[in-house]
Structure formats: C-alpha cells, structure tokens
N, C-alpha and C. Protein backbone atom coordinates (compact mmCIF):
# COMPACT_ATOMS: atom_id res chain seq x y z
N MET A 1 36.52 72.67 -44.57
CA MET A 1 36.49 71.87 -43.25
C MET A 1 37.50 70.49 -43.65
N SER A 2 37.91 70.04 -42.45
CA SER A 2 38.78 68.57 -42.56
C SER A 2 38.33 67.79 -41.50
N VAL A 3 38.62 66.44 -41.89
CA VAL A 3 38.42 65.42 -41.04
C VAL A 3 39.62 64.81 -40.34
N THR A 4 39.44 65.11 -39.02
CA THR A 4 40.55 64.74 -37.94
C THR A 4 40.59 63.13 -37.83
N THR A 5 41.87 62.54 -37.30
CA THR A 5 41.89 61.16 -37.20
C THR A 5 41.07 60.72 -36.33
N LYS A 6 40.76 61.54 -35.25
CA LYS A 6 39.53 61.06 -34.35
C LYS A 6 38.20 60.80 -34.95
N GLU A 7 37.81 61.66 -35.83
CA GLU A 7 36.61 61.58 -36.58
C GLU A 7 36.56 60.48 -37.61
N LEU A 8 37.67 60.10 -38.09
CA LEU A 8 37.95 59.09 -39.01
C LEU A 8 37.94 57.76 -38.53
N VAL A 9 38.28 57.72 -37.03
CA VAL A 9 38.18 56.35 -36.27
C VAL A 9 36.64 56.14 -36.13
N VAL A 10 36.05 57.14 -35.79
CA VAL A 10 34.41 57.01 -35.48
C VAL A 10 33.82 56.62 -36.91
N LEU A 11 34.06 57.04 -37.97
CA LEU A 11 33.37 56.70 -39.08
C LEU A 11 33.93 55.36 -39.43
N VAL A 12 35.09 54.98 -39.38
CA VAL A 12 35.30 53.47 -39.49
C VAL A 12 34.74 52.66 -38.66
N ALA A 13 34.64 53.08 -37.61
CA ALA A 13 33.94 52.13 -36.42
C ALA A 13 32.56 51.89 -36.71
N LYS A 14 31.93 52.87 -37.17
CA LYS A 14 30.42 52.87 -37.58
C LYS A 14 30.20 52.08 -39.02
N LYS A 15 31.08 52.30 -40.07
CA LYS A 15 30.88 51.61 -41.13
C LYS A 15 31.30 50.29 -41.11
N ALA A 16 32.31 50.01 -40.48
CA ALA A 16 32.84 48.47 -40.40
C ALA A 16 32.28 47.66 -39.18
N ASN A 17 31.29 48.48 -38.41
CA ASN A 17 30.86 47.80 -37.27
C ASN A 17 31.89 47.17 -36.26
N LEU A 18 32.74 47.97 -36.05
CA LEU A 18 33.84 47.81 -35.25
C LEU A 18 33.63 48.63 -33.76
N THR A 19 34.28 48.31 -32.74
CA THR A 19 34.49 49.21 -31.56
C THR A 19 35.23 50.38 -31.93
N ASN A 20 35.60 51.42 -31.12
CA ASN A 20 36.28 52.61 -31.48
C ASN A 20 37.59 52.10 -31.21
N LYS A 21 37.83 51.28 -30.17
CA LYS A 21 39.24 50.91 -29.70
C LYS A 21 39.85 50.02 -31.19
N ALA A 22 39.14 49.13 -31.65
CA ALA A 22 39.38 48.31 -32.67
C ALA A 22 39.55 49.13 -34.04
N SER A 23 38.81 50.13 -34.09
CA SER A 23 38.77 50.83 -35.35
C SER A 23 40.04 52.08 -35.22
N LYS A 24 40.43 52.43 -34.10
CA LYS A 24 41.48 53.34 -33.80
C LYS A 24 42.61 52.43 -34.26
N GLU A 25 42.89 51.10 -33.84
CA GLU A 25 43.98 50.57 -34.08
C GLU A 25 44.17 50.10 -35.36
N ALA A 26 43.08 49.92 -36.25
CA ALA A 26 43.22 49.77 -37.63
C ALA A 26 43.61 50.86 -38.29
N VAL A 27 43.09 52.09 -38.03
CA VAL A 27 43.54 53.22 -38.61
C VAL A 27 45.03 53.67 -38.52
N ARG A 28 45.37 53.15 -37.35
CA ARG A 28 46.85 53.67 -36.83
C ARG A 28 47.82 52.72 -37.66
N ILE A 29 47.33 51.26 -37.56
CA ILE A 29 48.25 50.35 -38.53
C ILE A 29 48.17 50.80 -39.81
N LEU A 30 47.15 51.29 -40.53
CA LEU A 30 47.08 51.61 -41.95
C LEU A 30 48.12 52.69 -42.15
N LEU A 31 47.94 53.75 -41.35
CA LEU A 31 48.79 55.06 -41.66
C LEU A 31 50.37 54.70 -41.36
N ASN A 32 50.68 54.02 -40.01
CA ASN A 32 51.90 53.41 -39.98
C ASN A 32 52.48 52.68 -41.04
N GLY A 33 51.57 51.77 -41.74
CA GLY A 33 52.16 50.88 -42.81
C GLY A 33 52.47 51.99 -43.84
N ILE A 34 51.78 52.78 -44.29
CA ILE A 34 51.97 53.84 -45.35
C ILE A 34 53.20 54.62 -45.04
N ARG A 35 53.55 54.91 -43.88
CA ARG A 35 54.40 55.61 -43.47
C ARG A 35 55.86 55.07 -43.51
N ASP A 36 55.84 53.62 -43.10
CA ASP A 36 57.01 52.79 -42.91
C ASP A 36 57.30 52.32 -44.16
N SER A 37 56.44 52.08 -45.35
CA SER A 37 56.79 51.81 -46.58
C SER A 37 57.49 53.06 -47.47
N LEU A 38 56.99 54.23 -47.16
CA LEU A 38 57.61 55.36 -47.71
C LEU A 38 58.96 55.60 -46.98
N LYS A 39 59.29 55.25 -45.74
CA LYS A 39 60.47 55.40 -45.22
C LYS A 39 61.49 54.47 -45.97
N ARG A 40 61.05 53.20 -46.35
CA ARG A 40 61.68 52.36 -47.04
C ARG A 40 62.01 52.75 -48.53
N GLY A 41 61.50 53.82 -49.00
CA GLY A 41 61.38 54.06 -50.32
C GLY A 41 60.45 53.26 -51.23
N GLU A 42 59.56 52.91 -50.75
CA GLU A 42 58.45 51.96 -51.48
C GLU A 42 57.19 52.86 -51.98
N LYS A 43 56.64 52.58 -53.10
CA LYS A 43 55.42 53.15 -53.22
C LYS A 43 54.34 52.37 -52.83
N VAL A 44 53.32 53.24 -52.23
CA VAL A 44 52.08 52.56 -51.71
C VAL A 44 50.93 52.95 -52.75
N VAL A 45 50.46 51.76 -53.39
CA VAL A 45 49.22 51.91 -54.28
C VAL A 45 47.90 51.37 -53.80
N LEU A 46 47.10 52.43 -53.52
CA LEU A 46 45.80 51.86 -53.28
C LEU A 46 44.60 52.00 -54.32
N THR A 47 44.55 50.97 -55.21
CA THR A 47 43.98 50.83 -56.47
C THR A 47 42.43 51.63 -56.21
N GLY A 48 42.27 52.68 -56.92
CA GLY A 48 41.01 53.26 -57.04
C GLY A 48 41.13 54.46 -56.22
N PHE A 49 42.06 54.58 -55.26
CA PHE A 49 42.33 55.65 -54.49
C PHE A 49 43.19 56.57 -54.75
N GLY A 50 44.39 56.01 -54.92
CA GLY A 50 45.62 56.72 -55.21
C GLY A 50 46.92 56.16 -54.91
N THR A 51 48.15 56.79 -55.08
CA THR A 51 49.49 56.36 -54.83
C THR A 51 50.11 57.37 -54.07
N PHE A 52 50.82 56.84 -53.15
CA PHE A 52 51.57 57.51 -52.23
C PHE A 52 53.26 57.32 -52.61
N SER A 53 53.87 58.20 -52.87
CA SER A 53 55.31 57.80 -53.29
C SER A 53 56.33 59.10 -52.71
N LEU A 54 57.46 58.87 -52.77
CA LEU A 54 58.44 59.90 -52.48
C LEU A 54 58.95 60.85 -53.60
N ARG A 55 58.98 62.09 -53.45
CA ARG A 55 59.45 62.84 -54.70
C ARG A 55 60.67 63.43 -54.06
N ASN A 56 61.56 63.73 -55.14
CA ASN A 56 63.05 64.20 -54.81
C ASN A 56 62.95 65.78 -54.85
N ARG A 57 63.09 66.53 -54.03
CA ARG A 57 63.17 67.92 -54.07
C ARG A 57 64.52 68.41 -54.31
N LYS A 58 64.98 69.14 -55.35
CA LYS A 58 66.27 69.63 -55.70
C LYS A 58 66.87 70.77 -54.67
N ALA A 59 67.93 70.83 -54.42
CA ALA A 59 68.50 71.95 -53.62
C ALA A 59 68.22 73.21 -54.29
N LYS A 60 67.88 74.34 -53.55
CA LYS A 60 67.42 75.43 -54.28
C LYS A 60 67.85 76.83 -53.38
N LYS A 61 67.97 77.90 -53.87
CA LYS A 61 68.25 79.05 -53.10
C LYS A 61 66.93 79.64 -52.56
N GLY A 62 67.06 80.04 -51.18
CA GLY A 62 66.01 80.59 -50.43
C GLY A 62 66.45 82.03 -49.95
N ARG A 63 65.64 82.59 -48.94
CA ARG A 63 66.07 83.60 -48.11
C ARG A 63 65.74 83.41 -46.70
N ASN A 64 66.42 83.98 -45.78
CA ASN A 64 66.16 83.91 -44.50
C ASN A 64 65.15 85.18 -44.14
N PRO A 65 63.95 84.88 -43.77
CA PRO A 65 63.04 85.72 -43.68
C PRO A 65 63.10 86.87 -42.75
N LYS A 66 64.03 86.50 -41.62
CA LYS A 66 64.34 87.63 -40.70
C LYS A 66 65.58 88.80 -41.11
N THR A 67 66.51 87.95 -41.76
CA THR A 67 67.43 89.01 -42.47
C THR A 67 67.62 89.27 -43.88
N GLY A 68 67.00 88.42 -44.52
CA GLY A 68 66.80 88.67 -46.09
C GLY A 68 68.09 88.14 -46.48
N GLU A 69 68.80 87.55 -45.58
CA GLU A 69 70.29 87.01 -46.35
C GLU A 69 70.04 85.60 -47.15
N PRO A 70 70.64 85.61 -48.19
CA PRO A 70 70.24 84.31 -49.16
C PRO A 70 70.89 83.00 -48.55
N ILE A 71 69.97 81.91 -48.58
CA ILE A 71 70.62 80.64 -48.16
C ILE A 71 70.40 79.54 -48.99
N MET A 72 70.99 78.49 -48.65
CA MET A 72 70.79 77.32 -49.58
C MET A 72 70.00 76.41 -48.83
N ILE A 73 68.90 76.00 -49.64
CA ILE A 73 68.12 74.80 -49.02
C ILE A 73 68.42 73.48 -49.43
N ALA A 74 68.76 72.65 -48.86
CA ALA A 74 69.21 71.35 -49.10
C ALA A 74 68.30 70.60 -49.88
N ALA A 75 68.89 69.57 -50.60
CA ALA A 75 67.84 68.72 -51.45
C ALA A 75 67.32 67.67 -50.44
N ARG A 76 65.96 67.18 -50.71
CA ARG A 76 65.55 66.35 -49.69
C ARG A 76 64.39 65.59 -50.49
N LYS A 77 63.92 64.62 -49.61
CA LYS A 77 62.97 63.92 -50.05
C LYS A 77 61.50 64.22 -49.37
N ALA A 78 60.47 64.33 -50.31
CA ALA A 78 59.31 64.59 -49.58
C ALA A 78 58.07 63.71 -50.04
N PRO A 79 57.12 63.33 -49.09
CA PRO A 79 55.93 62.52 -49.34
C PRO A 79 55.15 63.27 -50.50
N GLY A 80 54.52 62.42 -51.37
CA GLY A 80 53.64 62.85 -52.38
C GLY A 80 52.65 61.98 -52.75
N PHE A 81 51.31 62.42 -53.23
CA PHE A 81 50.14 61.78 -53.25
C PHE A 81 49.53 61.84 -54.67
N THR A 82 49.27 61.09 -55.49
CA THR A 82 48.65 61.08 -56.55
C THR A 82 47.29 60.51 -56.72
N PRO A 83 46.06 61.41 -56.79
CA PRO A 83 44.92 60.57 -56.64
C PRO A 83 44.53 59.76 -57.87
N GLY A 84 43.90 58.65 -57.49
CA GLY A 84 43.49 57.70 -58.56
C GLY A 84 42.29 58.18 -59.40
N LYS A 85 41.90 57.58 -60.41
CA LYS A 85 40.90 57.94 -61.24
C LYS A 85 39.68 57.99 -60.73
N SER A 86 38.96 56.66 -59.93
CA SER A 86 37.76 56.77 -59.11
C SER A 86 37.88 57.96 -57.98
N LEU A 87 38.73 58.32 -57.42
CA LEU A 87 38.86 59.36 -56.47
C LEU A 87 38.60 60.59 -57.27
N LYS A 88 39.30 61.15 -58.13
CA LYS A 88 39.19 62.22 -58.98
C LYS A 88 37.82 62.19 -59.57
N LYS A 89 37.03 61.08 -60.02
CA LYS A 89 35.77 61.08 -60.58
C LYS A 89 34.89 61.34 -59.30
N ALA A 90 35.01 60.95 -58.04
CA ALA A 90 33.96 60.97 -56.97
C ALA A 90 34.04 62.39 -56.47
N VAL A 91 35.34 63.12 -56.48
CA VAL A 91 35.07 64.48 -56.07
C VAL A 91 35.10 65.47 -56.85
N LYS A 92 34.74 65.20 -58.24
CA LYS A 92 34.45 66.22 -59.41
C LYS A 92 33.37 67.13 -58.86
C-alpha cells in the first residue's frame, strides 16, 4: 500500500492543526524545494530522515524491446535517496 500526496496533505493538516488548503501548500512547497535543490545539483539533507542527492548513471548498452536491436543508453543524472539512521530504525 502507498500513501498518495492527497493522503499526505490530510495527515499533515491533522497533525499540524492546519486547514487542508494550508497543508496542501506546505507539502507543495516542501516537495518543490527538494526538486529545485536537486535541479541545481545540491544535496538535500533532512537530519534523521535521509538525504536526497543526484546520482550519475553511466552510458550503457541496451536493447530495443520491439526489434531486439542493440542501442546505446545515454549517461544521465537520476535522483537518489539514502535513508537516515532514525528512519532505518523506525521501519525495521
């Protein structure tokens, strides 16, 4: 089971005693802040929770699933998340 953004907004509203509108804005700002920092190449460290960072993926050989023909997959950057000690302990 997964938690949707909508469910997260409701949870934040209840826990922080906010309106759903204010909670939605707070969640949106947080997620956009993480995204924008990663776009600038910065790491986002949330102490106790984890670290969001960019990971470099090397170019590699692949196959076109329709034709089976070999193709080259370009190098790229991908977002990554490393959980913090407290998060690891909480979900153990």
